[in-house]
């Protein structure tokens, strides 16, 4: 997969490829509602792909090592490995697959190639944020990142965060928009399951994930707005282009977005996961959940679109407490333990998981309900804390485990 188009997204620059035409040079003003709708028609329904942002650590100090350019030079020609905004990060991108497990296996193979290429230079590791690195870091030496720094100043250098993005192709434009609006309401559950950034700048932040507190320094972060129609979305993109803030649709940064380059719903809320088995749990959970929402739309022709502020209340709990907190029912407001909500949701998506061929991987999601990445890091850190947690991250990056 060639890196053939410019992308300024600081968190997830590449989407999962589609076999049909890509969008290279369109601006937000050139997208009509019909052009947007086109991206979600055609073949490839419910295929899934993964993007993973990875840290590079100094082998001795375990601090961030700004050697991505050197590592990528060793990987020249590998279509799965790409640069990222920070000079100490790289990105792994898979192709679209019918089954989440196949996408995870491709990711695991790319992790192995990255470990080999980085040997002697860096130790790869994955988490929502580095446990003890300084607040600011160097940027990758490319013009698109220099542009980011011109636009956002020191805030660009603070984006030392890593996400796991799951792309699911949803075919049928009205179906895709309805699923997008409904899926917004489940972002807190996904975030809680995947929360994996408890440490920051050498201390326990007290949060399950510190990543949103850093990302939100940039615009268009967090829970996305509901979209009433493709025409309304085209109007929003046109306004963003006129304002100069969204000159192209890939600057529409939220924790969930329609990806117009590939016709996918891109779930961007999960933290990067330490282990391949953890990735399998998050990816299968998202894939099966999207599948269930598609089935509900097919049966009913409509889905609920929860109010953004209600979702944000639960999103705060996910950031602060992960799976150990409580969330409110978006309809009644009644609070329940997050683990209870997640356990019930896993049960609801089991049928969808079976139809999508990811029942085995969904078992890893159940494990994360009991102990997610934030809890695993705190357990690994023990009395030593952030530095020992970082060592655990590096040691587990290449450990695929059993999943």
Protein backbone atom coordinates (compact mmCIF):
# COMPACT_ATOMS: atom_id res chain seq x y z
CA UNK A 1 0.00 0.00 0.00
CA UNK A 2 1.63 3.21 -1.14
CA UNK A 3 1.63 6.43 0.87
CA UNK A 4 0.27 8.27 -2.11
CA UNK A 5 -1.75 11.07 -0.62
CA UNK A 6 -1.00 13.75 1.89
CA UNK A 7 -2.67 13.58 5.27
CA UNK A 8 -2.34 16.03 8.12
CA UNK A 9 -4.18 14.03 10.77
CA UNK A 10 -1.96 14.01 13.88
CA UNK A 11 -3.43 10.80 15.29
CA UNK A 12 -4.48 8.51 12.45
CA UNK A 13 -3.25 9.61 9.09
CA UNK A 14 -3.97 6.59 6.95
CA UNK A 15 -7.24 4.84 6.37
CA UNK A 16 -7.90 1.24 5.44
CA UNK A 17 -7.61 0.88 1.66
CA UNK A 18 -10.52 0.18 -0.61
CA UNK A 19 -10.23 -1.49 -3.99
CA UNK A 20 -12.02 1.37 -5.73
CA UNK A 21 -10.91 4.93 -6.46
CA UNK A 22 -9.32 6.90 -3.65
CA UNK A 23 -9.71 10.58 -2.94
CA UNK A 24 -6.39 12.36 -3.38
CA UNK A 25 -6.90 16.03 -4.05
CA UNK A 26 -10.45 16.97 -3.13
CA UNK A 27 -11.04 19.84 -0.74
CA UNK A 28 -13.97 20.14 1.60
CA UNK A 29 -15.67 22.61 -0.74
CA UNK A 30 -15.65 20.12 -3.61
CA UNK A 31 -17.70 17.49 -1.79
CA UNK A 32 -21.39 17.47 -2.52
CA UNK A 33 -23.76 15.26 -0.57
CA UNK A 34 -23.80 12.92 -3.53
CA UNK A 35 -20.01 12.65 -3.59
CA UNK A 36 -20.01 11.78 0.10
CA UNK A 37 -22.73 9.19 -0.37
CA UNK A 38 -20.77 7.55 -3.19
CA UNK A 39 -18.01 6.55 -0.80
CA UNK A 40 -20.38 4.23 1.07
CA UNK A 41 -21.87 2.43 -1.90
CA UNK A 42 -20.41 -0.58 -3.68
CA UNK A 43 -18.85 -3.80 -2.43
CA UNK A 44 -16.94 -4.88 0.67
CA UNK A 45 -19.61 -4.64 3.36
CA UNK A 46 -18.34 -5.13 6.93
CA UNK A 47 -14.70 -5.65 6.02
CA UNK A 48 -12.38 -4.57 8.83
CA UNK A 49 -8.92 -3.02 8.93
CA UNK A 50 -6.61 -1.77 11.66
CA UNK A 51 -4.25 1.17 12.18
CA UNK A 52 -1.90 1.07 15.15
CA UNK A 53 0.36 3.86 16.38
CA UNK A 54 3.55 2.57 18.00
CA UNK A 55 6.22 4.19 20.18
CA UNK A 56 9.95 3.65 19.69
CA UNK A 57 11.92 3.43 22.93
CA UNK A 58 15.60 3.86 23.62
CA UNK A 59 16.95 0.36 24.45
CA UNK A 60 18.79 1.63 27.53
CA UNK A 61 16.72 4.44 29.02
CA UNK A 62 13.32 3.29 27.68
CA UNK A 63 12.56 6.95 26.93
CA UNK A 64 11.13 7.90 23.57
CA UNK A 65 13.73 7.55 20.82
CA UNK A 66 13.21 9.91 17.84
CA UNK A 67 14.58 7.39 15.33
CA UNK A 68 11.49 6.68 13.22
CA UNK A 69 13.20 7.93 10.06
CA UNK A 70 16.08 5.49 10.51
CA UNK A 71 13.79 2.57 11.33
CA UNK A 72 11.54 3.28 8.35
CA UNK A 73 14.59 3.52 6.09
CA UNK A 74 15.42 -0.05 7.10
CA UNK A 75 11.83 -0.97 6.24
CA UNK A 76 11.88 0.73 2.85
CA UNK A 77 9.19 -0.71 0.63
CA UNK A 78 7.14 -2.24 3.45
CA UNK A 79 3.60 -1.00 2.76
CA UNK A 80 2.41 -1.64 6.31
CA UNK A 81 4.80 0.74 8.12
CA UNK A 82 4.39 4.52 7.91
CA UNK A 83 5.71 7.68 9.59
CA UNK A 84 3.71 9.45 12.27
CA UNK A 85 3.65 13.01 13.59
CA UNK A 86 6.16 12.40 16.44
CA UNK A 87 9.66 11.43 15.38
CA UNK A 88 9.55 8.61 17.94
CA UNK A 89 6.37 7.00 16.58
CA UNK A 90 5.52 4.83 13.58
CA UNK A 91 2.22 3.50 12.33
CA UNK A 92 1.20 0.00 11.28
CA UNK A 93 -1.62 -0.24 8.72
CA UNK A 94 -3.37 -3.43 7.64
CA UNK A 95 -5.40 -4.20 4.56
CA UNK A 96 -9.16 -4.73 4.85
CA UNK A 97 -10.22 -8.25 5.83
CA UNK A 98 -13.51 -10.06 6.18
CA UNK A 99 -12.54 -11.24 9.67
CA UNK A 100 -11.02 -9.26 12.51
CA UNK A 101 -8.70 -12.16 13.34
CA UNK A 102 -7.11 -12.00 9.90
CA UNK A 103 -6.48 -8.26 10.28
CA UNK A 104 -4.91 -8.91 13.69
CA UNK A 105 -2.67 -11.63 12.24
CA UNK A 106 -1.46 -9.21 9.59
CA UNK A 107 -0.79 -6.65 12.31
CA UNK A 108 1.16 -9.22 14.34
CA UNK A 109 3.36 -10.02 11.35
CA UNK A 110 4.05 -6.30 10.85
CA UNK A 111 4.94 -5.98 14.53
CA UNK A 112 7.51 -8.74 14.10
CA UNK A 113 9.03 -6.98 11.08
CA UNK A 114 9.17 -3.73 13.03
CA UNK A 115 10.95 -5.37 15.96
CA UNK A 116 13.52 -6.83 13.60
CA UNK A 117 14.08 -3.58 11.72
CA UNK A 118 14.41 -1.55 14.92
CA UNK A 119 16.95 -3.93 16.46
CA UNK A 120 19.85 -1.96 17.93
CA UNK A 121 18.04 1.35 17.45
CA UNK A 122 14.84 1.08 19.44
CA UNK A 123 12.34 -1.14 21.22
CA UNK A 124 8.78 -0.80 19.88
CA UNK A 125 5.97 -0.54 22.43
CA UNK A 126 2.28 0.32 22.34
CA UNK A 127 0.11 2.22 24.84
CA UNK A 128 -2.06 5.31 24.80
CA UNK A 129 0.88 7.42 26.01
CA UNK A 130 4.48 6.92 27.10
CA UNK A 131 4.54 6.48 30.88
CA UNK A 132 7.39 8.87 31.71
CA UNK A 133 8.53 10.80 28.61
CA UNK A 134 8.79 14.58 28.61
CA UNK A 135 5.72 16.58 27.66
CA UNK A 136 7.10 17.70 24.28
CA UNK A 137 8.86 15.72 21.57
CA UNK A 138 10.48 16.12 18.16
CA UNK A 139 8.37 15.83 15.02
CA UNK A 140 9.06 13.62 12.03
CA UNK A 141 11.05 15.59 9.42
CA UNK A 142 8.41 15.91 6.72
CA UNK A 143 6.68 18.97 5.28
CA UNK A 144 3.20 17.90 6.35
CA UNK A 145 4.35 17.78 9.98
CA UNK A 146 6.10 21.12 9.71
CA UNK A 147 2.74 22.43 8.52
CA UNK A 148 1.14 20.93 11.62
CA UNK A 149 3.60 22.80 13.80
CA UNK A 150 2.99 26.05 11.93
CA UNK A 151 -0.76 25.63 12.43
CA UNK A 152 -0.76 24.43 16.05
CA UNK A 153 2.59 25.49 17.49
CA UNK A 154 3.82 23.73 20.59
CA UNK A 155 0.56 21.77 20.84
CA UNK A 156 1.69 19.67 17.87
CA UNK A 157 4.84 18.70 19.78
CA UNK A 158 2.69 17.60 22.73
CA UNK A 159 0.78 15.00 20.70
CA UNK A 160 2.88 12.11 21.99
CA UNK A 161 -0.12 9.80 22.07
CA UNK A 162 -0.91 6.53 20.34
CA UNK A 163 -4.30 5.30 19.19
CA UNK A 164 -5.70 2.09 17.80
CA UNK A 165 -8.11 2.80 14.94
CA UNK A 166 -10.57 0.22 13.70
CA UNK A 167 -12.09 0.73 10.24
CA UNK A 168 -15.30 -1.08 9.32
CA UNK A 169 -16.80 -0.72 5.85
CA UNK A 170 -20.54 -0.12 5.98
CA UNK A 171 -22.29 -0.22 2.64
CA UNK A 172 -25.39 1.79 1.83
CA UNK A 173 -25.05 5.52 2.42
CA UNK A 174 -28.14 5.93 4.59
CA UNK A 175 -27.27 2.78 6.50
CA UNK A 176 -23.72 4.03 7.10
CA UNK A 177 -24.96 7.40 8.38
CA UNK A 178 -27.50 5.77 10.70
CA UNK A 179 -24.87 3.39 12.11
CA UNK A 180 -22.44 6.29 12.57
CA UNK A 181 -25.00 8.26 14.58
CA UNK A 182 -25.87 5.26 16.75
CA UNK A 183 -22.27 4.11 17.23
CA UNK A 184 -21.45 7.46 18.83
CA UNK A 185 -23.40 6.29 21.89
CA UNK A 186 -21.08 3.30 22.36
CA UNK A 187 -17.80 5.24 22.22
CA UNK A 188 -17.53 5.37 26.04
CA UNK A 189 -17.84 1.58 26.32
CA UNK A 190 -15.18 1.10 23.64
CA UNK A 191 -12.95 3.67 25.35
CA UNK A 192 -13.33 1.98 28.74
CA UNK A 193 -12.51 -1.43 27.30
CA UNK A 194 -9.42 -0.06 25.54
CA UNK A 195 -8.19 2.47 28.15
CA UNK A 196 -4.42 1.98 28.38
CA UNK A 197 -2.64 5.16 29.47
CA UNK A 198 -2.62 5.52 33.27
CA UNK A 199 0.89 6.99 33.57
CA UNK A 200 2.11 10.35 32.28
CA UNK A 201 5.40 12.19 32.81
CA UNK A 202 6.54 9.59 35.32
CA UNK A 203 3.49 9.62 37.57
CA UNK A 204 0.22 7.79 37.87
CA UNK A 205 -2.25 10.27 36.42
CA UNK A 206 -5.14 8.80 38.40
CA UNK A 207 -6.92 8.27 35.07
CA UNK A 208 -7.44 5.11 33.10
CA UNK A 209 -6.36 7.03 30.00
CA UNK A 210 -4.56 10.35 29.92
CA UNK A 211 -4.61 10.38 26.11
CA UNK A 212 -7.87 12.37 25.70
CA UNK A 213 -6.54 15.14 27.94
CA UNK A 214 -3.66 15.60 25.50
CA UNK A 215 -5.58 15.10 22.28
CA UNK A 216 -8.23 17.64 23.27
CA UNK A 217 -5.66 20.43 22.98
CA UNK A 218 -6.37 20.15 19.25
CA UNK A 219 -9.75 21.00 17.73
CA UNK A 220 -12.41 18.50 16.65
CA UNK A 221 -11.61 15.92 19.32
CA UNK A 222 -13.83 13.73 21.48
CA UNK A 223 -17.40 12.66 20.81
CA UNK A 224 -18.43 13.70 17.29
CA UNK A 225 -21.62 15.57 16.49
CA UNK A 226 -24.66 13.74 15.20
CA UNK A 227 -25.19 14.24 11.47
CA UNK A 228 -28.76 14.58 10.23
CA UNK A 229 -28.01 14.00 6.54
CA UNK A 230 -25.22 13.80 4.00
CA UNK A 231 -26.25 17.29 2.84
CA UNK A 232 -25.80 18.59 6.37
CA UNK A 233 -22.35 17.01 6.58
CA UNK A 234 -21.38 18.49 3.20
CA UNK A 235 -22.44 21.91 4.55
CA UNK A 236 -20.30 21.42 7.68
CA UNK A 237 -17.26 20.48 5.61
CA UNK A 238 -17.83 23.49 3.35
CA UNK A 239 -17.99 25.75 6.40
CA UNK A 240 -14.77 24.23 7.73
CA UNK A 241 -13.05 24.86 4.42
CA UNK A 242 -14.24 28.48 4.36
CA UNK A 243 -13.01 28.92 7.94
CA UNK A 244 -9.64 27.40 7.01
CA UNK A 245 -9.87 24.78 9.75
CA UNK A 246 -10.98 21.82 7.61
CA UNK A 247 -9.37 22.39 4.21
CA UNK A 248 -9.85 18.70 3.42
CA UNK A 249 -12.17 16.07 4.93
CA UNK A 250 -9.40 14.11 6.62
CA UNK A 251 -8.99 17.02 9.03
CA UNK A 252 -12.43 16.16 10.39
CA UNK A 253 -10.88 14.78 13.59
CA UNK A 254 -13.16 13.08 16.10
CA UNK A 255 -13.17 9.79 18.02
CA UNK A 256 -15.44 8.43 15.29
CA UNK A 257 -15.77 9.64 11.74
CA UNK A 258 -16.87 8.58 8.29
CA UNK A 259 -13.64 8.06 6.37
CA UNK A 260 -14.38 9.39 2.90
CA UNK A 261 -11.18 8.07 1.33
CA UNK A 262 -12.17 4.46 1.95
CA UNK A 263 -15.85 4.38 2.73
CA UNK A 264 -15.40 3.15 6.29
CA UNK A 265 -16.58 4.14 9.73
CA UNK A 266 -13.32 4.82 11.53
CA UNK A 267 -13.45 4.18 15.29
CA UNK A 268 -10.61 6.25 16.73
CA UNK A 269 -11.39 6.22 20.45
CA UNK A 270 -9.29 3.18 21.58
CA UNK A 271 -5.83 3.60 23.06
CA UNK A 272 -3.03 1.63 21.43
CA UNK A 273 -2.82 -1.80 23.05
CA UNK A 274 0.28 -3.39 24.54
CA UNK A 275 -0.27 -6.94 23.27
CA UNK A 276 -1.58 -8.47 20.07
CA UNK A 277 -4.22 -10.35 22.07
CA UNK A 278 -5.49 -7.02 23.44
CA UNK A 279 -5.77 -5.66 19.89
CA UNK A 280 -7.76 -8.76 18.96
CA UNK A 281 -10.20 -8.08 21.79
CA UNK A 282 -10.79 -4.45 20.86
CA UNK A 283 -10.98 -5.09 17.11
CA UNK A 284 -13.45 -7.96 17.44
CA UNK A 285 -15.60 -5.97 19.87
CA UNK A 286 -15.84 -3.03 17.46
CA UNK A 287 -16.36 -5.25 14.39
CA UNK A 288 -19.18 -7.23 16.02
CA UNK A 289 -20.81 -4.10 17.45
CA UNK A 290 -20.90 -2.40 14.05
CA UNK A 291 -22.27 -5.63 12.60
CA UNK A 292 -25.06 -5.69 15.19
CA UNK A 293 -26.00 -2.06 14.48
CA UNK A 294 -26.12 -2.83 10.76
CA UNK A 295 -28.45 -5.76 11.44
CA UNK A 296 -30.70 -3.58 13.58
CA UNK A 297 -30.89 -0.96 10.84
CA UNK A 298 -31.66 -3.62 8.25
CA UNK A 299 -34.52 -4.86 10.45
CA UNK A 300 -35.94 -1.52 11.56
CA UNK A 301 -34.80 1.05 9.01
CA UNK A 302 -33.76 3.45 11.79
CA UNK A 303 -31.45 3.73 14.79
CA UNK A 304 -31.37 6.10 17.76
CA UNK A 305 -28.89 9.00 17.70
CA UNK A 306 -28.10 9.85 21.35
CA UNK A 307 -27.49 13.42 22.52
CA UNK A 308 -23.79 14.32 22.43
CA UNK A 309 -23.66 15.70 25.97
CA UNK A 310 -25.06 12.50 27.44
CA UNK A 311 -22.42 10.47 25.63
CA UNK A 312 -19.76 12.88 26.93
CA UNK A 313 -20.84 12.20 30.51
CA UNK A 314 -20.09 8.51 30.01
CA UNK A 315 -16.94 9.36 28.04
CA UNK A 316 -15.58 11.15 31.11
CA UNK A 317 -16.14 8.04 33.22
CA UNK A 318 -14.32 5.92 30.62
CA UNK A 319 -11.33 8.28 30.67
CA UNK A 320 -11.22 8.53 34.45
CA UNK A 321 -12.08 4.99 35.52
CA UNK A 322 -11.98 2.69 32.50
CA UNK A 323 -13.84 -0.55 33.20
CA UNK A 324 -13.85 0.14 36.95
CA UNK A 325 -16.34 3.02 36.88
CA UNK A 326 -20.02 3.54 36.25
CA UNK A 327 -21.96 4.81 33.25
CA UNK A 328 -25.47 6.16 32.85
CA UNK A 329 -28.11 4.72 30.56
CA UNK A 330 -28.41 7.19 27.68
CA UNK A 331 -32.20 7.00 27.85
CA UNK A 332 -33.07 6.82 31.54
CA UNK A 333 -29.95 8.19 33.20
CA UNK A 334 -29.79 5.21 35.57
CA UNK A 335 -26.18 4.41 36.48
CA UNK A 336 -24.70 0.94 36.39
CA UNK A 337 -21.23 -0.51 36.80
CA UNK A 338 -19.28 -0.21 33.54
CA UNK A 339 -18.23 -3.86 33.77
CA UNK A 340 -21.88 -4.85 34.00
CA UNK A 341 -22.75 -2.74 30.93
CA UNK A 342 -19.82 -4.15 28.97
CA UNK A 343 -20.58 -7.72 29.95
CA UNK A 344 -24.16 -7.28 28.78
CA UNK A 345 -23.01 -5.68 25.53
CA UNK A 346 -20.57 -8.51 24.81
CA UNK A 347 -23.47 -10.91 25.22
CA UNK A 348 -25.59 -8.88 22.79
CA UNK A 349 -22.93 -8.91 20.06
CA UNK A 350 -22.10 -12.61 20.31
CA UNK A 351 -24.42 -13.51 17.45
CA UNK A 352 -22.96 -10.81 15.24
CA UNK A 353 -19.45 -11.98 16.17
CA UNK A 354 -20.33 -15.52 15.12
CA UNK A 355 -21.64 -14.33 11.77
CA UNK A 356 -18.51 -12.23 11.22
CA UNK A 357 -16.17 -15.05 12.24
CA UNK A 358 -14.66 -13.40 15.31
CA UNK A 359 -16.14 -15.43 18.17
CA UNK A 360 -12.71 -16.58 19.34
CA UNK A 361 -11.28 -13.07 19.35
CA UNK A 362 -14.29 -11.81 21.30
CA UNK A 363 -13.04 -13.92 24.20
CA UNK A 364 -10.15 -11.47 24.48
CA UNK A 365 -12.67 -8.64 24.82
CA UNK A 366 -14.22 -10.46 27.79
CA UNK A 367 -10.76 -10.63 29.36
CA UNK A 368 -10.32 -6.87 28.90
CA UNK A 369 -13.63 -6.28 30.66
CA UNK A 370 -12.04 -7.90 33.71
CA UNK A 371 -8.62 -6.27 33.36
CA UNK A 372 -7.93 -3.70 30.66
CA UNK A 373 -4.63 -2.16 29.58
CA UNK A 374 -4.60 0.53 32.26
CA UNK A 375 -4.98 -2.08 34.98
CA UNK A 376 -2.34 -4.30 33.41
CA UNK A 377 0.15 -1.42 33.32
CA UNK A 378 -0.49 -0.52 36.94
CA UNK A 379 -0.04 -4.13 37.94
CA UNK A 380 3.21 -4.33 35.96
CA UNK A 381 4.43 -1.03 37.40
CA UNK A 382 3.91 -2.13 40.97
CA UNK A 383 5.84 -0.13 43.53
CA UNK A 384 8.33 1.06 40.90
CA UNK A 385 5.63 2.64 38.76
CA UNK A 386 6.02 4.26 35.37
CA UNK A 387 9.47 2.99 34.40
CA UNK A 388 8.69 -0.64 35.17
CA UNK A 389 5.38 -0.32 33.32
CA UNK A 390 7.32 0.95 30.30
CA UNK A 391 9.62 -2.07 30.46
CA UNK A 392 6.55 -4.33 30.52
CA UNK A 393 5.17 -2.59 27.42
CA UNK A 394 8.39 -3.21 25.51
CA UNK A 395 8.61 -6.82 26.62
CA UNK A 396 5.03 -7.57 25.53
CA UNK A 397 4.97 -5.85 22.14
CA UNK A 398 6.09 -8.95 20.28
CA UNK A 399 4.27 -11.42 22.51
CA UNK A 400 1.27 -12.60 20.54
CA UNK A 401 0.06 -14.88 23.28
CA UNK A 402 -2.87 -17.20 22.68
CA UNK A 403 -5.98 -15.68 21.16
